[in-house]
Amino acid sequence: MITYFIALVFIYILKFLTTPLLLLPDATLPSGIDDAINNLGGFLSIVNGFVPLTTLLAILGLVLAFEGSYLIFRVIKFILSRT
């Protein structure tokens, strides 16, 4: 029961912190970048039959996310050990 209320408190804190972001206007990419991403998707679909590039890119993204979170952990640990 207490876990439910703790979760609610965290949810309300996150909603309070993200409310100013909702007041900002929507962001749009310039048309050149949008066209480049669409063209890249077409090229990847051709090569994807031979080499599974989408899977490799997904694995690369997961590895980078893990390494980034480990780096943040080490930086926080370093900062806390200095104080």
PDB file of N, CA and C in Angstrom:
ATOM      1  N   MET A   1       0.824  -1.188   0.000  1.00  0.00           N
ATOM      2  CA  MET A   1       0.000   0.000   0.000  1.00  0.00           C
ATOM      3  C   MET A   1       0.874   1.261   0.000  1.00  0.00           C
ATOM      4  N   ILE A   2       1.929   1.228   0.805  1.00  0.00           N
ATOM      5  CA  ILE A   2       2.796   2.393   0.872  1.00  0.00           C
ATOM      6  C   ILE A   2       3.542   2.596  -0.443  1.00  0.00           C
ATOM      7  N   THR A   3       3.855   1.491  -1.118  1.00  0.00           N
ATOM      8  CA  THR A   3       4.551   1.584  -2.405  1.00  0.00           C
ATOM      9  C   THR A   3       3.693   2.302  -3.437  1.00  0.00           C
ATOM     10  N   TYR A   4       2.396   2.066  -3.378  1.00  0.00           N
ATOM     11  CA  TYR A   4       1.471   2.729  -4.291  1.00  0.00           C
ATOM     12  C   TYR A   4       1.508   4.237  -4.097  1.00  0.00           C
ATOM     13  N   PHE A   5       1.507   4.680  -2.858  1.00  0.00           N
ATOM     14  CA  PHE A   5       1.519   6.115  -2.585  1.00  0.00           C
ATOM     15  C   PHE A   5       2.861   6.747  -2.923  1.00  0.00           C
ATOM     16  N   ILE A   6       3.937   6.013  -2.701  1.00  0.00           N
ATOM     17  CA  ILE A   6       5.258   6.515  -3.097  1.00  0.00           C
ATOM     18  C   ILE A   6       5.320   6.674  -4.612  1.00  0.00           C
ATOM     19  N   ALA A   7       4.777   5.702  -5.330  1.00  0.00           N
ATOM     20  CA  ALA A   7       4.750   5.791  -6.791  1.00  0.00           C
ATOM     21  C   ALA A   7       3.906   6.984  -7.240  1.00  0.00           C
ATOM     22  N   LEU A   8       2.782   7.204  -6.578  1.00  0.00           N
ATOM     23  CA  LEU A   8       1.944   8.359  -6.919  1.00  0.00           C
ATOM     24  C   LEU A   8       2.676   9.669  -6.680  1.00  0.00           C
ATOM     25  N   VAL A   9       3.417   9.755  -5.598  1.00  0.00           N
ATOM     26  CA  VAL A   9       4.177  10.973  -5.306  1.00  0.00           C
ATOM     27  C   VAL A   9       5.196  11.222  -6.412  1.00  0.00           C
ATOM     28  N   PHE A  10       5.910  10.170  -6.826  1.00  0.00           N
ATOM     29  CA  PHE A  10       6.882  10.321  -7.909  1.00  0.00           C
ATOM     30  C   PHE A  10       6.213  10.726  -9.220  1.00  0.00           C
ATOM     31  N   ILE A  11       5.062  10.160  -9.505  1.00  0.00           N
ATOM     32  CA  ILE A  11       4.340  10.506 -10.728  1.00  0.00           C
ATOM     33  C   ILE A  11       3.925  11.969 -10.708  1.00  0.00           C
ATOM     34  N   TYR A  12       3.412  12.434  -9.574  1.00  0.00           N
ATOM     35  CA  TYR A  12       2.996  13.840  -9.490  1.00  0.00           C
ATOM     36  C   TYR A  12       4.189  14.787  -9.557  1.00  0.00           C
ATOM     37  N   ILE A  13       5.317  14.383  -8.984  1.00  0.00           N
ATOM     38  CA  ILE A  13       6.525  15.212  -9.084  1.00  0.00           C
ATOM     39  C   ILE A  13       6.976  15.305 -10.534  1.00  0.00           C
ATOM     40  N   LEU A  14       6.972  14.177 -11.245  1.00  0.00           N
ATOM     41  CA  LEU A  14       7.358  14.191 -12.659  1.00  0.00           C
ATOM     42  C   LEU A  14       6.395  15.021 -13.492  1.00  0.00           C
ATOM     43  N   LYS A  15       5.114  14.917 -13.221  1.00  0.00           N
ATOM     44  CA  LYS A  15       4.136  15.731 -13.951  1.00  0.00           C
ATOM     45  C   LYS A  15       4.361  17.214 -13.685  1.00  0.00           C
ATOM     46  N   PHE A  16       4.670  17.558 -12.443  1.00  0.00           N
ATOM     47  CA  PHE A  16       4.920  18.951 -12.094  1.00  0.00           C
ATOM     48  C   PHE A  16       6.172  19.469 -12.805  1.00  0.00           C
ATOM     49  N   LEU A  17       7.199  18.634 -12.889  1.00  0.00           N
ATOM     50  CA  LEU A  17       8.435  19.058 -13.532  1.00  0.00           C
ATOM     51  C   LEU A  17       8.324  19.147 -15.051  1.00  0.00           C
ATOM     52  N   THR A  18       7.470  18.317 -15.655  1.00  0.00           N
ATOM     53  CA  THR A  18       7.355  18.317 -17.116  1.00  0.00           C
ATOM     54  C   THR A  18       6.254  19.233 -17.632  1.00  0.00           C
ATOM     55  N   THR A  19       5.448  19.805 -16.764  1.00  0.00           N
ATOM     56  CA  THR A  19       4.375  20.696 -17.208  1.00  0.00           C
ATOM     57  C   THR A  19       4.894  21.902 -17.988  1.00  0.00           C
ATOM     58  N   PRO A  20       5.991  22.567 -17.571  1.00  0.00           N
ATOM     59  CA  PRO A  20       6.485  23.692 -18.391  1.00  0.00           C
ATOM     60  C   PRO A  20       6.908  23.273 -19.799  1.00  0.00           C
ATOM     61  N   LEU A  21       7.368  22.049 -19.952  1.00  0.00           N
ATOM     62  CA  LEU A  21       7.756  21.585 -21.288  1.00  0.00           C
ATOM     63  C   LEU A  21       6.554  21.466 -22.214  1.00  0.00           C
ATOM     64  N   LEU A  22       5.394  21.154 -21.651  1.00  0.00           N
ATOM     65  CA  LEU A  22       4.192  21.029 -22.472  1.00  0.00           C
ATOM     66  C   LEU A  22       3.703  22.376 -22.996  1.00  0.00           C
ATOM     67  N   LEU A  23       4.149  23.447 -22.369  1.00  0.00           N
ATOM     68  CA  LEU A  23       3.737  24.782 -22.813  1.00  0.00           C
ATOM     69  C   LEU A  23       4.542  25.259 -24.026  1.00  0.00           C
ATOM     70  N   LEU A  24       5.660  24.604 -24.320  1.00  0.00           N
ATOM     71  CA  LEU A  24       6.482  24.985 -25.456  1.00  0.00           C
ATOM     72  C   LEU A  24       5.809  24.577 -26.762  1.00  0.00           C
ATOM     73  N   PRO A  25       6.070  25.294 -27.852  1.00  0.00           N
ATOM     74  CA  PRO A  25       5.484  24.891 -29.136  1.00  0.00           C
ATOM     75  C   PRO A  25       6.144  23.611 -29.655  1.00  0.00           C
ATOM     76  N   ASP A  26       5.450  22.954 -30.573  1.00  0.00           N
ATOM     77  CA  ASP A  26       5.978  21.718 -31.151  1.00  0.00           C
ATOM     78  C   ASP A  26       7.219  22.017 -31.986  1.00  0.00           C
ATOM     79  N   ALA A  27       8.189  21.126 -31.890  1.00  0.00           N
ATOM     80  CA  ALA A  27       9.424  21.275 -32.663  1.00  0.00           C
ATOM     81  C   ALA A  27       9.282  20.520 -33.982  1.00  0.00           C
ATOM     82  N   THR A  28       9.787  21.102 -35.057  1.00  0.00           N
ATOM     83  CA  THR A  28       9.763  20.445 -36.363  1.00  0.00           C
ATOM     84  C   THR A  28      11.161  20.476 -36.961  1.00  0.00           C
ATOM     85  N   LEU A  29      11.470  19.436 -37.703  1.00  0.00           N
ATOM     86  CA  LEU A  29      12.751  19.377 -38.392  1.00  0.00           C
ATOM     87  C   LEU A  29      12.684  20.167 -39.685  1.00  0.00           C
ATOM     88  N   PRO A  30      13.811  20.727 -40.116  1.00  0.00           N
ATOM     89  CA  PRO A  30      13.827  21.337 -41.439  1.00  0.00           C
ATOM     90  C   PRO A  30      13.559  20.276 -42.506  1.00  0.00           C
ATOM     91  N   SER A  31      13.029  20.696 -43.643  1.00  0.00           N
ATOM     92  CA  SER A  31      12.623  19.737 -44.674  1.00  0.00           C
ATOM     93  C   SER A  31      13.812  18.953 -45.218  1.00  0.00           C
ATOM     94  N   GLY A  32      15.000  19.544 -45.258  1.00  0.00           N
ATOM     95  CA  GLY A  32      16.173  18.837 -45.760  1.00  0.00           C
ATOM     96  C   GLY A  32      16.550  17.647 -44.902  1.00  0.00           C
ATOM     97  N   ILE A  33      16.470  17.810 -43.587  1.00  0.00           N
ATOM     98  CA  ILE A  33      16.791  16.697 -42.685  1.00  0.00           C
ATOM     99  C   ILE A  33      15.728  15.618 -42.788  1.00  0.00           C
ATOM    100  N   ASP A  34      14.485  16.009 -42.918  1.00  0.00           N
ATOM    101  CA  ASP A  34      13.393  15.049 -43.065  1.00  0.00           C
ATOM    102  C   ASP A  34      13.573  14.219 -44.336  1.00  0.00           C
ATOM    103  N   ASP A  35      13.924  14.865 -45.438  1.00  0.00           N
ATOM    104  CA  ASP A  35      14.161  14.140 -46.694  1.00  0.00           C
ATOM    105  C   ASP A  35      15.371  13.215 -46.577  1.00  0.00           C
ATOM    106  N   ALA A  36      16.418  13.653 -45.884  1.00  0.00           N
ATOM    107  CA  ALA A  36      17.615  12.824 -45.724  1.00  0.00           C
ATOM    108  C   ALA A  36      17.304  11.565 -44.926  1.00  0.00           C
ATOM    109  N   ILE A  37      16.492  11.692 -43.879  1.00  0.00           N
ATOM    110  CA  ILE A  37      16.126  10.514 -43.085  1.00  0.00           C
ATOM    111  C   ILE A  37      15.287   9.550 -43.921  1.00  0.00           C
ATOM    112  N   ASN A  38      14.356  10.080 -44.728  1.00  0.00           N
ATOM    113  CA  ASN A  38      13.550   9.210 -45.585  1.00  0.00           C
ATOM    114  C   ASN A  38      14.404   8.500 -46.628  1.00  0.00           C
ATOM    115  N   ASN A  39      15.370   9.208 -47.223  1.00  0.00           N
ATOM    116  CA  ASN A  39      16.256   8.580 -48.202  1.00  0.00           C
ATOM    117  C   ASN A  39      17.132   7.516 -47.550  1.00  0.00           C
ATOM    118  N   LEU A  40      17.613   7.782 -46.351  1.00  0.00           N
ATOM    119  CA  LEU A  40      18.429   6.805 -45.636  1.00  0.00           C
ATOM    120  C   LEU A  40      17.622   5.544 -45.358  1.00  0.00           C
ATOM    121  N   GLY A  41      16.360   5.707 -45.016  1.00  0.00           N
ATOM    122  CA  GLY A  41      15.501   4.545 -44.794  1.00  0.00           C
ATOM    123  C   GLY A  41      15.353   3.705 -46.041  1.00  0.00           C
ATOM    124  N   GLY A  42      15.261   4.338 -47.198  1.00  0.00           N
ATOM    125  CA  GLY A  42      15.188   3.585 -48.459  1.00  0.00           C
ATOM    126  C   GLY A  42      16.465   2.829 -48.744  1.00  0.00           C
ATOM    127  N   PHE A  43      17.614   3.457 -48.513  1.00  0.00           N
ATOM    128  CA  PHE A  43      18.890   2.779 -48.726  1.00  0.00           C
ATOM    129  C   PHE A  43      19.077   1.615 -47.755  1.00  0.00           C
ATOM    130  N   LEU A  44      18.668   1.808 -46.507  1.00  0.00           N
ATOM    131  CA  LEU A  44      18.802   0.729 -45.531  1.00  0.00           C
ATOM    132  C   LEU A  44      17.912  -0.454 -45.875  1.00  0.00           C
ATOM    133  N   SER A  45      16.743  -0.205 -46.424  1.00  0.00           N
ATOM    134  CA  SER A  45      15.859  -1.315 -46.768  1.00  0.00           C
ATOM    135  C   SER A  45      16.429  -2.153 -47.901  1.00  0.00           C
ATOM    136  N   ILE A  46      17.210  -1.540 -48.810  1.00  0.00           N
ATOM    137  CA  ILE A  46      17.840  -2.295 -49.894  1.00  0.00           C
ATOM    138  C   ILE A  46      18.951  -3.190 -49.341  1.00  0.00           C
ATOM    139  N   VAL A  47      19.807  -2.628 -48.491  1.00  0.00           N
ATOM    140  CA  VAL A  47      20.953  -3.364 -47.964  1.00  0.00           C
ATOM    141  C   VAL A  47      20.537  -4.341 -46.874  1.00  0.00           C
ATOM    142  N   ASN A  48      19.392  -4.098 -46.259  1.00  0.00           N
ATOM    143  CA  ASN A  48      18.959  -4.916 -45.130  1.00  0.00           C
ATOM    144  C   ASN A  48      18.743  -6.377 -45.519  1.00  0.00           C
ATOM    145  N   GLY A  49      18.513  -6.670 -46.782  1.00  0.00           N
ATOM    146  CA  GLY A  49      18.366  -8.057 -47.213  1.00  0.00           C
ATOM    147  C   GLY A  49      19.661  -8.842 -47.125  1.00  0.00           C
ATOM    148  N   PHE A  50      20.785  -8.165 -47.273  1.00  0.00           N
ATOM    149  CA  PHE A  50      22.083  -8.840 -47.224  1.00  0.00           C
ATOM    150  C   PHE A  50      22.691  -8.810 -45.824  1.00  0.00           C
ATOM    151  N   VAL A  51      22.684  -7.644 -45.227  1.00  0.00           N
ATOM    152  CA  VAL A  51      23.243  -7.454 -43.887  1.00  0.00           C
ATOM    153  C   VAL A  51      22.143  -6.831 -43.029  1.00  0.00           C
ATOM    154  N   PRO A  52      21.823  -7.438 -41.906  1.00  0.00           N
ATOM    155  CA  PRO A  52      20.735  -6.893 -41.076  1.00  0.00           C
ATOM    156  C   PRO A  52      21.144  -5.600 -40.366  1.00  0.00           C
ATOM    157  N   LEU A  53      21.168  -4.495 -41.119  1.00  0.00           N
ATOM    158  CA  LEU A  53      21.632  -3.226 -40.566  1.00  0.00           C
ATOM    159  C   LEU A  53      20.719  -2.698 -39.466  1.00  0.00           C
ATOM    160  N   THR A  54      19.422  -2.901 -39.610  1.00  0.00           N
ATOM    161  CA  THR A  54      18.513  -2.377 -38.586  1.00  0.00           C
ATOM    162  C   THR A  54      18.761  -3.069 -37.248  1.00  0.00           C
ATOM    163  N   THR A  55      19.027  -4.367 -37.289  1.00  0.00           N
ATOM    164  CA  THR A  55      19.334  -5.086 -36.055  1.00  0.00           C
ATOM    165  C   THR A  55      20.663  -4.621 -35.483  1.00  0.00           C
ATOM    166  N   LEU A  56      21.641  -4.434 -36.343  1.00  0.00           N
ATOM    167  CA  LEU A  56      22.945  -3.963 -35.881  1.00  0.00           C
ATOM    168  C   LEU A  56      22.854  -2.565 -35.285  1.00  0.00           C
ATOM    169  N   LEU A  57      22.061  -1.697 -35.899  1.00  0.00           N
ATOM    170  CA  LEU A  57      21.875  -0.348 -35.353  1.00  0.00           C
ATOM    171  C   LEU A  57      21.128  -0.380 -34.021  1.00  0.00           C
ATOM    172  N   ALA A  58      20.176  -1.293 -33.885  1.00  0.00           N
ATOM    173  CA  ALA A  58      19.458  -1.424 -32.615  1.00  0.00           C
ATOM    174  C   ALA A  58      20.399  -1.906 -31.517  1.00  0.00           C
ATOM    175  N   ILE A  59      21.252  -2.871 -31.840  1.00  0.00           N
ATOM    176  CA  ILE A  59      22.226  -3.363 -30.863  1.00  0.00           C
ATOM    177  C   ILE A  59      23.212  -2.260 -30.508  1.00  0.00           C
ATOM    178  N   LEU A  60      23.658  -1.500 -31.499  1.00  0.00           N
ATOM    179  CA  LEU A  60      24.567  -0.380 -31.245  1.00  0.00           C
ATOM    180  C   LEU A  60      23.907   0.654 -30.326  1.00  0.00           C
ATOM    181  N   GLY A  61      22.636   0.928 -30.551  1.00  0.00           N
ATOM    182  CA  GLY A  61      21.911   1.862 -29.690  1.00  0.00           C
ATOM    183  C   GLY A  61      21.816   1.365 -28.257  1.00  0.00           C
ATOM    184  N   LEU A  62      21.565   0.072 -28.081  1.00  0.00           N
ATOM    185  CA  LEU A  62      21.509  -0.487 -26.732  1.00  0.00           C
ATOM    186  C   LEU A  62      22.866  -0.419 -26.042  1.00  0.00           C
ATOM    187  N   VAL A  63      23.932  -0.720 -26.787  1.00  0.00           N
ATOM    188  CA  VAL A  63      25.280  -0.659 -26.215  1.00  0.00           C
ATOM    189  C   VAL A  63      25.618   0.775 -25.818  1.00  0.00           C
ATOM    190  N   LEU A  64      25.298   1.737 -26.683  1.00  0.00           N
ATOM    191  CA  LEU A  64      25.570   3.136 -26.351  1.00  0.00           C
ATOM    192  C   LEU A  64      24.749   3.599 -25.155  1.00  0.00           C
ATOM    193  N   ALA A  65      23.508   3.147 -25.050  1.00  0.00           N
ATOM    194  CA  ALA A  65      22.678   3.512 -23.897  1.00  0.00           C
ATOM    195  C   ALA A  65      23.267   2.932 -22.613  1.00  0.00           C
ATOM    196  N   PHE A  66      23.715   1.685 -22.660  1.00  0.00           N
ATOM    197  CA  PHE A  66      24.324   1.074 -21.479  1.00  0.00           C
ATOM    198  C   PHE A  66      25.611   1.795 -21.103  1.00  0.00           C
ATOM    199  N   GLU A  67      26.462   2.066 -22.081  1.00  0.00           N
ATOM    200  CA  GLU A  67      27.728   2.745 -21.804  1.00  0.00           C
ATOM    201  C   GLU A  67      27.491   4.158 -21.270  1.00  0.00           C
ATOM    202  N   GLY A  68      26.507   4.848 -21.811  1.00  0.00           N
ATOM    203  CA  GLY A  68      26.196   6.184 -21.324  1.00  0.00           C
ATOM    204  C   GLY A  68      25.698   6.165 -19.888  1.00  0.00           C
ATOM    205  N   SER A  69      24.829   5.219 -19.565  1.00  0.00           N
ATOM    206  CA  SER A  69      24.329   5.138 -18.193  1.00  0.00           C
ATOM    207  C   SER A  69      25.439   4.708 -17.238  1.00  0.00           C
ATOM    208  N   TYR A  70      26.356   3.848 -17.679  1.00  0.00           N
ATOM    209  CA  TYR A  70      27.491   3.461 -16.835  1.00  0.00           C
ATOM    210  C   TYR A  70      28.418   4.662 -16.606  1.00  0.00           C
ATOM    211  N   LEU A  71      28.618   5.460 -17.642  1.00  0.00           N
ATOM    212  CA  LEU A  71      29.446   6.656 -17.498  1.00  0.00           C
ATOM    213  C   LEU A  71      28.813   7.640 -16.513  1.00  0.00           C
ATOM    214  N   ILE A  72      27.504   7.839 -16.617  1.00  0.00           N
ATOM    215  CA  ILE A  72      26.811   8.729 -15.682  1.00  0.00           C
ATOM    216  C   ILE A  72      26.932   8.195 -14.257  1.00  0.00           C
ATOM    217  N   PHE A  73      26.806   6.873 -14.100  1.00  0.00           N
ATOM    218  CA  PHE A  73      26.957   6.256 -12.780  1.00  0.00           C
ATOM    219  C   PHE A  73      28.349   6.515 -12.217  1.00  0.00           C
ATOM    220  N   ARG A  74      29.384   6.343 -13.044  1.00  0.00           N
ATOM    221  CA  ARG A  74      30.760   6.559 -12.581  1.00  0.00           C
ATOM    222  C   ARG A  74      31.002   8.030 -12.229  1.00  0.00           C
ATOM    223  N   VAL A  75      30.441   8.945 -13.006  1.00  0.00           N
ATOM    224  CA  VAL A  75      30.616  10.372 -12.723  1.00  0.00           C
ATOM    225  C   VAL A  75      29.944  10.733 -11.405  1.00  0.00           C
ATOM    226  N   ILE A  76      28.732  10.246 -11.197  1.00  0.00           N
ATOM    227  CA  ILE A  76      28.034  10.516  -9.932  1.00  0.00           C
ATOM    228  C   ILE A  76      28.795   9.903  -8.767  1.00  0.00           C
ATOM    229  N   LYS A  77      29.294   8.692  -8.940  1.00  0.00           N
ATOM    230  CA  LYS A  77      30.070   8.048  -7.892  1.00  0.00           C
ATOM    231  C   LYS A  77      31.340   8.834  -7.589  1.00  0.00           C
ATOM    232  N   PHE A  78      31.998   9.358  -8.633  1.00  0.00           N
ATOM    233  CA  PHE A  78      33.207  10.162  -8.451  1.00  0.00           C
ATOM    234  C   PHE A  78      32.900  11.447  -7.707  1.00  0.00           C
ATOM    235  N   ILE A  79      31.798  12.091  -8.084  1.00  0.00           N
ATOM    236  CA  ILE A  79      31.430  13.353  -7.430  1.00  0.00           C
ATOM    237  C   ILE A  79      31.085  13.105  -5.958  1.00  0.00           C
ATOM    238  N   LEU A  80      30.372  12.028  -5.677  1.00  0.00           N
ATOM    239  CA  LEU A  80      30.006  11.740  -4.292  1.00  0.00           C
ATOM    240  C   LEU A  80      31.209  11.340  -3.460  1.00  0.00           C
ATOM    241  N   SER A  81      32.192  10.697  -4.059  1.00  0.00           N
ATOM    242  CA  SER A  81      33.372  10.298  -3.302  1.00  0.00           C
ATOM    243  C   SER A  81      34.278  11.491  -3.000  1.00  0.00           C
ATOM    244  N   ARG A  82      34.175  12.542  -3.780  1.00  0.00           N
ATOM    245  CA  ARG A  82      34.989  13.729  -3.559  1.00  0.00           C
ATOM    246  C   ARG A  82      34.458  14.593  -2.425  1.00  0.00           C
ATOM    247  N   THR A  83      33.188  14.450  -2.119  1.00  0.00           N
ATOM    248  CA  THR A  83      32.613  15.310  -1.073  1.00  0.00           C
ATOM    249  C   THR A  83      32.744  14.688   0.300  1.00  0.00           C
TER     250      THR A  83
END
